[in-house]
Amino acid sequence: MMSLSLEELKNKAIELRQTVVTMVYEAQSGHPGGSLSAADFVTALYFREMNVNPKNPDWEDRDRFVLSKGHVAPIQYAALAHKGFVPMETIHTLREYGSPFQGHPDSKMCPGIDISTGSLGQGLSCAVGMALGGKLDEKSYRVFAVVGDGECQEGQIWEAAQSAVKYELDNLVVFVDDNGLQIDGTTEEIMPNLDLEKKFEAFGFETRRIDGHSMEEIVATLDEATEKKNGKPQAIICNTVKGKGVSYMENVVGWHGKAPNKEQYEQAMEELTRGLEA
């Protein structure tokens, strides 16, 4: 398993953001906002934390990754390409017929996708099933799930959370991308989540709230979370900015599912490149 330093992880997160923007621009379709908000912790998972093997993507003892908010597939695709699961040139085929990079993750099309997702609320149930299977089979693998804050308005999320606690799934780590925006507006306007940290805690999770763009906090929290074996699943609530890294996308609900034009693409890449050079 390749493990990068903090500075390398920060640069890798910028590279993944550049790949996301390139994919969505070339396809003129996709979801950049939530892909960019999740980039930092997805980078930490794929390039430091998760025990996976690009040469053997179906390895039985691998850690599992479930992108419950499947519409932000570009960030997972970027990680898979940079990690070596698929050739880098695959990034130029987003949403094309026959491409492994479909609009939502497709486990039958793309190596490294553990389960097809996209219907909001269902992915966490799948992650719970994987973690329970690991427990029953006495496997050491862990399951990491990424859930959106808008997605937390779905009742199935909380049914899954109850099951995770009942079955003492301390091999499950849930990242909540709490960027405050969803397709139709702010989460506060659409359906307030209240305090997601306290909500997961009330369901029985070990919970933490962190800066989802601080690689230092992400890494330290993962180190702490994955060391604990107390019978409790883990929930890491990440304060994030939708569209993070691209100034005109940040905190703008309209960039939930829209592609940049040529001028906007060039501006985005310039801004992200400056971050690499800093």
C-alpha atoms as a PDB file:
ATOM      1  CA  MET A   1       0.000   0.000   0.000  1.00  0.00           C
ATOM      2  CA  MET A   2       1.469   3.350  -1.075  1.00  0.00           C
ATOM      3  CA  SER A   3       1.382   5.936   1.706  1.00  0.00           C
ATOM      4  CA  LEU A   4       2.075   9.596   0.920  1.00  0.00           C
ATOM      5  CA  SER A   5       3.324  12.344   3.229  1.00  0.00           C
ATOM      6  CA  LEU A   6       1.023  15.187   4.236  1.00  0.00           C
ATOM      7  CA  GLU A   7       2.455  17.532   1.615  1.00  0.00           C
ATOM      8  CA  GLU A   8       2.233  14.856  -1.042  1.00  0.00           C
ATOM      9  CA  LEU A   9      -1.385  14.197  -0.063  1.00  0.00           C
ATOM     10  CA  LYS A  10      -2.219  17.899  -0.339  1.00  0.00           C
ATOM     11  CA  ASN A  11      -0.727  18.053  -3.825  1.00  0.00           C
ATOM     12  CA  LYS A  12      -2.444  14.820  -4.829  1.00  0.00           C
ATOM     13  CA  ALA A  13      -5.794  16.277  -3.758  1.00  0.00           C
ATOM     14  CA  ILE A  14      -5.181  19.247  -6.064  1.00  0.00           C
ATOM     15  CA  GLU A  15      -4.269  16.888  -8.907  1.00  0.00           C
ATOM     16  CA  LEU A  16      -7.488  14.966  -8.344  1.00  0.00           C
ATOM     17  CA  ARG A  17      -9.430  18.237  -8.432  1.00  0.00           C
ATOM     18  CA  GLN A  18      -7.773  19.116 -11.739  1.00  0.00           C
ATOM     19  CA  THR A  19      -8.765  15.709 -13.089  1.00  0.00           C
ATOM     20  CA  VAL A  20     -12.365  16.175 -11.920  1.00  0.00           C
ATOM     21  CA  VAL A  21     -12.658  19.563 -13.625  1.00  0.00           C
ATOM     22  CA  THR A  22     -11.086  18.190 -16.814  1.00  0.00           C
ATOM     23  CA  MET A  23     -13.441  15.219 -16.943  1.00  0.00           C
ATOM     24  CA  VAL A  24     -16.576  17.289 -16.391  1.00  0.00           C
ATOM     25  CA  TYR A  25     -15.465  19.975 -18.862  1.00  0.00           C
ATOM     26  CA  GLU A  26     -14.645  17.500 -21.618  1.00  0.00           C
ATOM     27  CA  ALA A  27     -17.869  15.559 -21.071  1.00  0.00           C
ATOM     28  CA  GLN A  28     -19.872  18.765 -20.658  1.00  0.00           C
ATOM     29  CA  SER A  29     -21.759  16.814 -18.038  1.00  0.00           C
ATOM     30  CA  GLY A  30     -21.273  15.733 -14.436  1.00  0.00           C
ATOM     31  CA  HIS A  31     -21.220  16.930 -10.860  1.00  0.00           C
ATOM     32  CA  PRO A  32     -18.203  19.086  -9.996  1.00  0.00           C
ATOM     33  CA  GLY A  33     -19.351  20.775  -6.769  1.00  0.00           C
ATOM     34  CA  GLY A  34     -19.634  17.749  -4.507  1.00  0.00           C
ATOM     35  CA  SER A  35     -16.690  16.039  -6.169  1.00  0.00           C
ATOM     36  CA  LEU A  36     -14.458  18.953  -5.208  1.00  0.00           C
ATOM     37  CA  SER A  37     -15.767  19.159  -1.641  1.00  0.00           C
ATOM     38  CA  ALA A  38     -14.959  15.472  -1.075  1.00  0.00           C
ATOM     39  CA  ALA A  39     -11.522  15.566  -2.706  1.00  0.00           C
ATOM     40  CA  ASP A  40      -9.365  15.867   0.393  1.00  0.00           C
ATOM     41  CA  PHE A  41     -10.694  12.943   2.412  1.00  0.00           C
ATOM     42  CA  VAL A  42     -11.071  10.770  -0.696  1.00  0.00           C
ATOM     43  CA  THR A  43      -7.394  11.452  -1.413  1.00  0.00           C
ATOM     44  CA  ALA A  44      -6.409  10.493   2.132  1.00  0.00           C
ATOM     45  CA  LEU A  45      -8.354   7.263   1.868  1.00  0.00           C
ATOM     46  CA  TYR A  46      -6.977   6.100  -1.466  1.00  0.00           C
ATOM     47  CA  PHE A  47      -3.398   7.307  -1.072  1.00  0.00           C
ATOM     48  CA  ARG A  48      -2.731   6.724   2.611  1.00  0.00           C
ATOM     49  CA  GLU A  49      -5.368   4.746   4.442  1.00  0.00           C
ATOM     50  CA  MET A  50      -7.037   2.041   2.381  1.00  0.00           C
ATOM     51  CA  ASN A  51      -5.425  -1.326   1.788  1.00  0.00           C
ATOM     52  CA  VAL A  52      -6.210  -1.913  -1.898  1.00  0.00           C
ATOM     53  CA  ASN A  53      -4.325  -3.355  -4.847  1.00  0.00           C
ATOM     54  CA  PRO A  54      -4.847  -1.832  -8.317  1.00  0.00           C
ATOM     55  CA  LYS A  55      -3.362  -4.966  -9.892  1.00  0.00           C
ATOM     56  CA  ASN A  56      -5.914  -7.124  -8.083  1.00  0.00           C
ATOM     57  CA  PRO A  57      -9.024  -4.962  -7.625  1.00  0.00           C
ATOM     58  CA  ASP A  58     -11.162  -7.918  -6.485  1.00  0.00           C
ATOM     59  CA  TRP A  59      -8.686  -9.042  -3.829  1.00  0.00           C
ATOM     60  CA  GLU A  60     -10.783 -10.692  -1.136  1.00  0.00           C
ATOM     61  CA  ASP A  61      -9.110  -8.960   1.808  1.00  0.00           C
ATOM     62  CA  ARG A  62      -9.084  -5.425   0.383  1.00  0.00           C
ATOM     63  CA  ASP A  63     -10.645  -2.515   2.214  1.00  0.00           C
ATOM     64  CA  ARG A  64     -13.975  -1.515   0.662  1.00  0.00           C
ATOM     65  CA  PHE A  65     -15.078   1.946  -0.504  1.00  0.00           C
ATOM     66  CA  VAL A  66     -18.737   2.865  -1.011  1.00  0.00           C
ATOM     67  CA  LEU A  67     -19.571   6.195  -2.627  1.00  0.00           C
ATOM     68  CA  SER A  68     -23.113   6.450  -1.329  1.00  0.00           C
ATOM     69  CA  LYS A  69     -23.576   9.857  -2.955  1.00  0.00           C
ATOM     70  CA  GLY A  70     -22.816   8.283  -6.304  1.00  0.00           C
ATOM     71  CA  HIS A  71     -23.377  11.381  -8.439  1.00  0.00           C
ATOM     72  CA  VAL A  72     -19.936  12.659  -7.376  1.00  0.00           C
ATOM     73  CA  ALA A  73     -18.366   9.733  -9.245  1.00  0.00           C
ATOM     74  CA  PRO A  74     -15.746  12.022 -10.867  1.00  0.00           C
ATOM     75  CA  ILE A  75     -13.749  12.252  -7.631  1.00  0.00           C
ATOM     76  CA  GLN A  76     -13.674   8.477  -7.236  1.00  0.00           C
ATOM     77  CA  TYR A  77     -12.774   8.053 -10.909  1.00  0.00           C
ATOM     78  CA  ALA A  78      -9.949  10.556 -10.495  1.00  0.00           C
ATOM     79  CA  ALA A  79      -8.621   8.582  -7.524  1.00  0.00           C
ATOM     80  CA  LEU A  80      -8.876   5.274  -9.391  1.00  0.00           C
ATOM     81  CA  ALA A  81      -7.039   6.666 -12.414  1.00  0.00           C
ATOM     82  CA  HIS A  82      -4.241   8.244 -10.364  1.00  0.00           C
ATOM     83  CA  LYS A  83      -3.971   5.088  -8.258  1.00  0.00           C
ATOM     84  CA  GLY A  84      -3.552   2.919 -11.341  1.00  0.00           C
ATOM     85  CA  PHE A  85      -6.798   0.938 -11.402  1.00  0.00           C
ATOM     86  CA  VAL A  86      -7.452   2.199 -14.936  1.00  0.00           C
ATOM     87  CA  PRO A  87      -5.230   3.969 -17.495  1.00  0.00           C
ATOM     88  CA  MET A  88      -5.030   7.741 -17.053  1.00  0.00           C
ATOM     89  CA  GLU A  89      -6.393   8.316 -20.545  1.00  0.00           C
ATOM     90  CA  THR A  90      -9.696   6.901 -19.294  1.00  0.00           C
ATOM     91  CA  ILE A  91     -10.415  10.299 -17.736  1.00  0.00           C
ATOM     92  CA  HIS A  92     -11.205  11.596 -21.219  1.00  0.00           C
ATOM     93  CA  THR A  93     -14.154   9.210 -21.594  1.00  0.00           C
ATOM     94  CA  LEU A  94     -16.474  10.318 -18.764  1.00  0.00           C
ATOM     95  CA  ARG A  95     -20.098   9.385 -19.531  1.00  0.00           C
ATOM     96  CA  GLU A  96     -19.265   8.051 -22.980  1.00  0.00           C
ATOM     97  CA  TYR A  97     -20.987   4.882 -24.158  1.00  0.00           C
ATOM     98  CA  GLY A  98     -18.918   1.878 -23.125  1.00  0.00           C
ATOM     99  CA  SER A  99     -16.612   3.866 -20.838  1.00  0.00           C
ATOM    100  CA  PRO A 100     -15.798   2.471 -17.379  1.00  0.00           C
ATOM    101  CA  PHE A 101     -16.531   5.997 -16.136  1.00  0.00           C
ATOM    102  CA  GLN A 102     -20.299   6.177 -16.328  1.00  0.00           C
ATOM    103  CA  GLY A 103     -22.445   8.929 -14.793  1.00  0.00           C
ATOM    104  CA  HIS A 104     -22.638   6.947 -11.568  1.00  0.00           C
ATOM    105  CA  PRO A 105     -20.240   4.273 -10.300  1.00  0.00           C
ATOM    106  CA  ASP A 106     -20.775   0.933 -12.037  1.00  0.00           C
ATOM    107  CA  SER A 107     -19.018  -2.037 -10.483  1.00  0.00           C
ATOM    108  CA  LYS A 108     -19.472  -4.111 -13.650  1.00  0.00           C
ATOM    109  CA  MET A 109     -17.801  -1.484 -15.821  1.00  0.00           C
ATOM    110  CA  CYS A 110     -14.968  -0.093 -13.705  1.00  0.00           C
ATOM    111  CA  PRO A 111     -12.194  -1.904 -11.787  1.00  0.00           C
ATOM    112  CA  GLY A 112     -11.985  -0.701  -8.190  1.00  0.00           C
ATOM    113  CA  ILE A 113     -15.695   0.076  -7.804  1.00  0.00           C
ATOM    114  CA  ASP A 114     -16.934  -2.186  -5.009  1.00  0.00           C
ATOM    115  CA  ILE A 115     -20.628  -1.556  -5.626  1.00  0.00           C
ATOM    116  CA  SER A 116     -22.785   0.420  -8.051  1.00  0.00           C
ATOM    117  CA  THR A 117     -24.361   3.450  -6.390  1.00  0.00           C
ATOM    118  CA  GLY A 118     -26.449   6.449  -7.261  1.00  0.00           C
ATOM    119  CA  SER A 119     -29.856   6.063  -5.604  1.00  0.00           C
ATOM    120  CA  LEU A 120     -29.367   8.333  -2.613  1.00  0.00           C
ATOM    121  CA  GLY A 121     -29.690   6.718   0.797  1.00  0.00           C
ATOM    122  CA  GLN A 122     -28.944   3.180  -0.341  1.00  0.00           C
ATOM    123  CA  GLY A 123     -25.154   3.159  -0.315  1.00  0.00           C
ATOM    124  CA  LEU A 124     -24.783   3.215   3.450  1.00  0.00           C
ATOM    125  CA  SER A 125     -26.961   0.112   3.714  1.00  0.00           C
ATOM    126  CA  CYS A 126     -24.630  -1.601   1.252  1.00  0.00           C
ATOM    127  CA  ALA A 127     -21.611  -0.541   3.310  1.00  0.00           C
ATOM    128  CA  VAL A 128     -23.239  -1.919   6.450  1.00  0.00           C
ATOM    129  CA  GLY A 129     -23.798  -5.231   4.665  1.00  0.00           C
ATOM    130  CA  MET A 130     -20.161  -5.365   3.580  1.00  0.00           C
ATOM    131  CA  ALA A 131     -18.954  -4.609   7.105  1.00  0.00           C
ATOM    132  CA  LEU A 132     -21.285  -7.220   8.588  1.00  0.00           C
ATOM    133  CA  GLY A 133     -20.035  -9.748   6.054  1.00  0.00           C
ATOM    134  CA  GLY A 134     -16.479  -9.001   7.094  1.00  0.00           C
ATOM    135  CA  LYS A 135     -17.361  -9.588  10.731  1.00  0.00           C
ATOM    136  CA  LEU A 136     -19.155 -12.868  10.026  1.00  0.00           C
ATOM    137  CA  ASP A 137     -16.269 -14.103   7.873  1.00  0.00           C
ATOM    138  CA  GLU A 138     -13.724 -12.962  10.477  1.00  0.00           C
ATOM    139  CA  LYS A 139     -11.973 -10.767   7.924  1.00  0.00           C
ATOM    140  CA  SER A 140      -9.784  -7.818   8.846  1.00  0.00           C
ATOM    141  CA  TYR A 141     -10.854  -5.512   6.022  1.00  0.00           C
ATOM    142  CA  ARG A 142     -12.541  -2.183   6.733  1.00  0.00           C
ATOM    143  CA  VAL A 143     -15.385  -0.459   4.925  1.00  0.00           C
ATOM    144  CA  PHE A 144     -15.333   3.278   4.194  1.00  0.00           C
ATOM    145  CA  ALA A 145     -18.524   5.019   3.068  1.00  0.00           C
ATOM    146  CA  VAL A 146     -19.000   8.589   1.802  1.00  0.00           C
ATOM    147  CA  VAL A 147     -22.426  10.108   2.419  1.00  0.00           C
ATOM    148  CA  GLY A 148     -23.728  13.550   1.448  1.00  0.00           C
ATOM    149  CA  ASP A 149     -25.418  15.921   3.874  1.00  0.00           C
ATOM    150  CA  GLY A 150     -28.415  16.239   1.563  1.00  0.00           C
ATOM    151  CA  GLU A 151     -28.452  12.457   1.400  1.00  0.00           C
ATOM    152  CA  CYS A 152     -28.794  12.354   5.186  1.00  0.00           C
ATOM    153  CA  GLN A 153     -32.376  13.542   4.685  1.00  0.00           C
ATOM    154  CA  GLU A 154     -33.144  10.020   3.438  1.00  0.00           C
ATOM    155  CA  GLY A 155     -34.697   7.728   6.027  1.00  0.00           C
ATOM    156  CA  GLN A 156     -32.738   4.710   4.826  1.00  0.00           C
ATOM    157  CA  ILE A 157     -29.531   6.356   6.055  1.00  0.00           C
ATOM    158  CA  TRP A 158     -30.792   6.112   9.604  1.00  0.00           C
ATOM    159  CA  GLU A 159     -32.078   2.559   9.218  1.00  0.00           C
ATOM    160  CA  ALA A 160     -28.575   1.630   8.090  1.00  0.00           C
ATOM    161  CA  ALA A 161     -27.074   3.539  11.013  1.00  0.00           C
ATOM    162  CA  GLN A 162     -29.236   1.597  13.479  1.00  0.00           C
ATOM    163  CA  SER A 163     -28.134  -1.695  11.943  1.00  0.00           C
ATOM    164  CA  ALA A 164     -24.460  -0.703  12.067  1.00  0.00           C
ATOM    165  CA  VAL A 165     -24.757  -0.078  15.799  1.00  0.00           C
ATOM    166  CA  LYS A 166     -26.809  -3.206  16.492  1.00  0.00           C
ATOM    167  CA  TYR A 167     -24.187  -5.408  14.866  1.00  0.00           C
ATOM    168  CA  GLU A 168     -21.258  -3.541  16.479  1.00  0.00           C
ATOM    169  CA  LEU A 169     -19.583  -2.749  13.163  1.00  0.00           C
ATOM    170  CA  ASP A 170     -16.370  -1.111  14.347  1.00  0.00           C
ATOM    171  CA  ASN A 171     -14.915  -1.976  10.920  1.00  0.00           C
ATOM    172  CA  LEU A 172     -17.140   0.705   9.339  1.00  0.00           C
ATOM    173  CA  VAL A 173     -16.087   4.364   8.918  1.00  0.00           C
ATOM    174  CA  VAL A 174     -18.615   6.830   7.481  1.00  0.00           C
ATOM    175  CA  PHE A 175     -17.527  10.183   6.059  1.00  0.00           C
ATOM    176  CA  VAL A 176     -20.297  12.773   5.827  1.00  0.00           C
ATOM    177  CA  ASP A 177     -19.554  15.540   3.308  1.00  0.00           C
ATOM    178  CA  ASP A 178     -21.280  18.380   5.151  1.00  0.00           C
ATOM    179  CA  ASN A 179     -21.007  21.179   2.571  1.00  0.00           C
ATOM    180  CA  GLY A 180     -24.424  22.675   3.272  1.00  0.00           C
ATOM    181  CA  LEU A 181     -25.706  22.590  -0.318  1.00  0.00           C
ATOM    182  CA  GLN A 182     -27.768  20.201  -2.404  1.00  0.00           C
ATOM    183  CA  ILE A 183     -29.276  20.307  -5.865  1.00  0.00           C
ATOM    184  CA  ASP A 184     -32.181  22.640  -5.023  1.00  0.00           C
ATOM    185  CA  GLY A 185     -30.597  24.945  -2.445  1.00  0.00           C
ATOM    186  CA  THR A 186     -29.124  24.823   1.042  1.00  0.00           C
ATOM    187  CA  THR A 187     -29.773  21.832   3.251  1.00  0.00           C
ATOM    188  CA  GLU A 188     -31.137  24.265   5.826  1.00  0.00           C
ATOM    189  CA  GLU A 189     -33.779  25.458   3.355  1.00  0.00           C
ATOM    190  CA  ILE A 190     -34.668  22.060   1.915  1.00  0.00           C
ATOM    191  CA  MET A 191     -34.736  19.921   5.067  1.00  0.00           C
ATOM    192  CA  PRO A 192     -32.566  20.853   8.065  1.00  0.00           C
ATOM    193  CA  ASN A 193     -30.279  18.079   9.265  1.00  0.00           C
ATOM    194  CA  LEU A 194     -29.730  19.728  12.648  1.00  0.00           C
ATOM    195  CA  ASP A 195     -26.400  18.608  14.140  1.00  0.00           C
ATOM    196  CA  LEU A 196     -25.254  15.545  12.206  1.00  0.00           C
ATOM    197  CA  GLU A 197     -22.448  14.848  14.670  1.00  0.00           C
ATOM    198  CA  LYS A 198     -24.893  14.650  17.567  1.00  0.00           C
ATOM    199  CA  LYS A 199     -27.411  12.750  15.446  1.00  0.00           C
ATOM    200  CA  PHE A 200     -24.956   9.964  14.558  1.00  0.00           C
ATOM    201  CA  GLU A 201     -23.787   9.942  18.175  1.00  0.00           C
ATOM    202  CA  ALA A 202     -27.381   9.530  19.369  1.00  0.00           C
ATOM    203  CA  PHE A 203     -27.709   6.512  17.087  1.00  0.00           C
ATOM    204  CA  GLY A 204     -24.651   4.992  18.792  1.00  0.00           C
ATOM    205  CA  PHE A 205     -21.738   5.940  16.514  1.00  0.00           C
ATOM    206  CA  GLU A 206     -18.339   7.148  17.659  1.00  0.00           C
ATOM    207  CA  THR A 207     -18.438  10.614  16.095  1.00  0.00           C
ATOM    208  CA  ARG A 208     -16.096  13.492  15.290  1.00  0.00           C
ATOM    209  CA  ARG A 209     -16.496  16.774  13.428  1.00  0.00           C
ATOM    210  CA  ILE A 210     -13.458  17.999  11.499  1.00  0.00           C
ATOM    211  CA  ASP A 211     -12.324  20.470   8.864  1.00  0.00           C
ATOM    212  CA  GLY A 212     -12.805  18.340   5.761  1.00  0.00           C
ATOM    213  CA  HIS A 213     -10.154  20.356   3.892  1.00  0.00           C
ATOM    214  CA  SER A 214      -7.413  20.039   6.518  1.00  0.00           C
ATOM    215  CA  MET A 215      -5.275  17.088   5.520  1.00  0.00           C
ATOM    216  CA  GLU A 216      -3.674  17.189   8.959  1.00  0.00           C
ATOM    217  CA  GLU A 217      -7.057  16.746  10.665  1.00  0.00           C
ATOM    218  CA  ILE A 218      -8.222  14.113   8.211  1.00  0.00           C
ATOM    219  CA  VAL A 219      -5.115  11.969   8.680  1.00  0.00           C
ATOM    220  CA  ALA A 220      -5.052  12.357  12.468  1.00  0.00           C
ATOM    221  CA  THR A 221      -8.741  11.505  12.710  1.00  0.00           C
ATOM    222  CA  LEU A 222      -8.361   8.443  10.508  1.00  0.00           C
ATOM    223  CA  ASP A 223      -5.446   7.247  12.620  1.00  0.00           C
ATOM    224  CA  GLU A 224      -7.577   7.563  15.726  1.00  0.00           C
ATOM    225  CA  ALA A 225     -10.750   6.142  14.211  1.00  0.00           C
ATOM    226  CA  THR A 226      -9.251   3.033  12.665  1.00  0.00           C
ATOM    227  CA  GLU A 227      -7.297   2.134  15.799  1.00  0.00           C
ATOM    228  CA  LYS A 228     -10.438   1.920  17.926  1.00  0.00           C
ATOM    229  CA  LYS A 229     -12.088  -1.453  18.265  1.00  0.00           C
ATOM    230  CA  ASN A 230     -14.820  -0.712  20.782  1.00  0.00           C
ATOM    231  CA  GLY A 231     -17.781  -2.204  18.947  1.00  0.00           C
ATOM    232  CA  LYS A 232     -18.911   1.166  17.595  1.00  0.00           C
ATOM    233  CA  PRO A 233     -19.030   2.263  13.962  1.00  0.00           C
ATOM    234  CA  GLN A 234     -17.313   5.574  13.247  1.00  0.00           C
ATOM    235  CA  ALA A 235     -18.817   8.738  11.746  1.00  0.00           C
ATOM    236  CA  ILE A 236     -16.555  11.593  10.647  1.00  0.00           C
ATOM    237  CA  ILE A 237     -18.571  14.725   9.890  1.00  0.00           C
ATOM    238  CA  CYS A 238     -16.545  16.918   7.548  1.00  0.00           C
ATOM    239  CA  ASN A 239     -17.137  20.664   7.312  1.00  0.00           C
ATOM    240  CA  THR A 240     -16.513  21.271   3.616  1.00  0.00           C
ATOM    241  CA  VAL A 241     -17.053  23.848   0.873  1.00  0.00           C
ATOM    242  CA  LYS A 242     -18.912  22.767  -2.229  1.00  0.00           C
ATOM    243  CA  GLY A 243     -16.726  23.455  -5.265  1.00  0.00           C
ATOM    244  CA  LYS A 244     -13.613  23.783  -3.079  1.00  0.00           C
ATOM    245  CA  GLY A 245     -10.537  25.005  -4.948  1.00  0.00           C
ATOM    246  CA  VAL A 246     -12.330  26.803  -7.785  1.00  0.00           C
ATOM    247  CA  SER A 247     -13.302  30.307  -6.707  1.00  0.00           C
ATOM    248  CA  TYR A 248     -16.424  30.779  -8.804  1.00  0.00           C
ATOM    249  CA  MET A 249     -17.777  27.350  -7.828  1.00  0.00           C
ATOM    250  CA  GLU A 250     -17.277  27.645  -4.074  1.00  0.00           C
ATOM    251  CA  ASN A 251     -20.535  27.712  -2.101  1.00  0.00           C
ATOM    252  CA  VAL A 252     -22.601  28.226  -5.269  1.00  0.00           C
ATOM    253  CA  VAL A 253     -25.518  25.793  -5.477  1.00  0.00           C
ATOM    254  CA  GLY A 254     -25.651  26.065  -9.283  1.00  0.00           C
ATOM    255  CA  TRP A 255     -22.391  24.119  -9.565  1.00  0.00           C
ATOM    256  CA  HIS A 256     -23.971  20.989  -8.121  1.00  0.00           C
ATOM    257  CA  GLY A 257     -24.329  19.450 -11.569  1.00  0.00           C
ATOM    258  CA  LYS A 258     -23.059  21.783 -14.278  1.00  0.00           C
ATOM    259  CA  ALA A 259     -20.035  21.754 -16.573  1.00  0.00           C
ATOM    260  CA  PRO A 260     -17.749  24.787 -17.033  1.00  0.00           C
ATOM    261  CA  ASN A 261     -17.316  26.443 -20.415  1.00  0.00           C
ATOM    262  CA  LYS A 262     -13.855  26.885 -21.963  1.00  0.00           C
ATOM    263  CA  GLU A 263     -13.110  30.178 -20.196  1.00  0.00           C
ATOM    264  CA  GLN A 264     -14.296  28.826 -16.862  1.00  0.00           C
ATOM    265  CA  TYR A 265     -12.306  25.626 -17.331  1.00  0.00           C
ATOM    266  CA  GLU A 266      -9.116  27.537 -18.016  1.00  0.00           C
ATOM    267  CA  GLN A 267      -9.671  29.726 -14.956  1.00  0.00           C
ATOM    268  CA  ALA A 268     -10.296  26.685 -12.777  1.00  0.00           C
ATOM    269  CA  MET A 269      -7.143  24.930 -13.942  1.00  0.00           C
ATOM    270  CA  GLU A 270      -5.093  28.091 -13.432  1.00  0.00           C
ATOM    271  CA  GLU A 271      -6.359  28.481  -9.873  1.00  0.00           C
ATOM    272  CA  LEU A 272      -5.714  24.851  -9.033  1.00  0.00           C
ATOM    273  CA  THR A 273      -2.243  24.949 -10.577  1.00  0.00           C
ATOM    274  CA  ARG A 274      -1.383  27.924  -8.359  1.00  0.00           C
ATOM    275  CA  GLY A 275      -2.219  25.709  -5.404  1.00  0.00           C
ATOM    276  CA  LEU A 276       0.315  23.138  -6.579  1.00  0.00           C
ATOM    277  CA  GLU A 277       2.972  25.799  -6.911  1.00  0.00           C
ATOM    278  CA  ALA A 278       2.321  27.363  -3.508  1.00  0.00           C
END
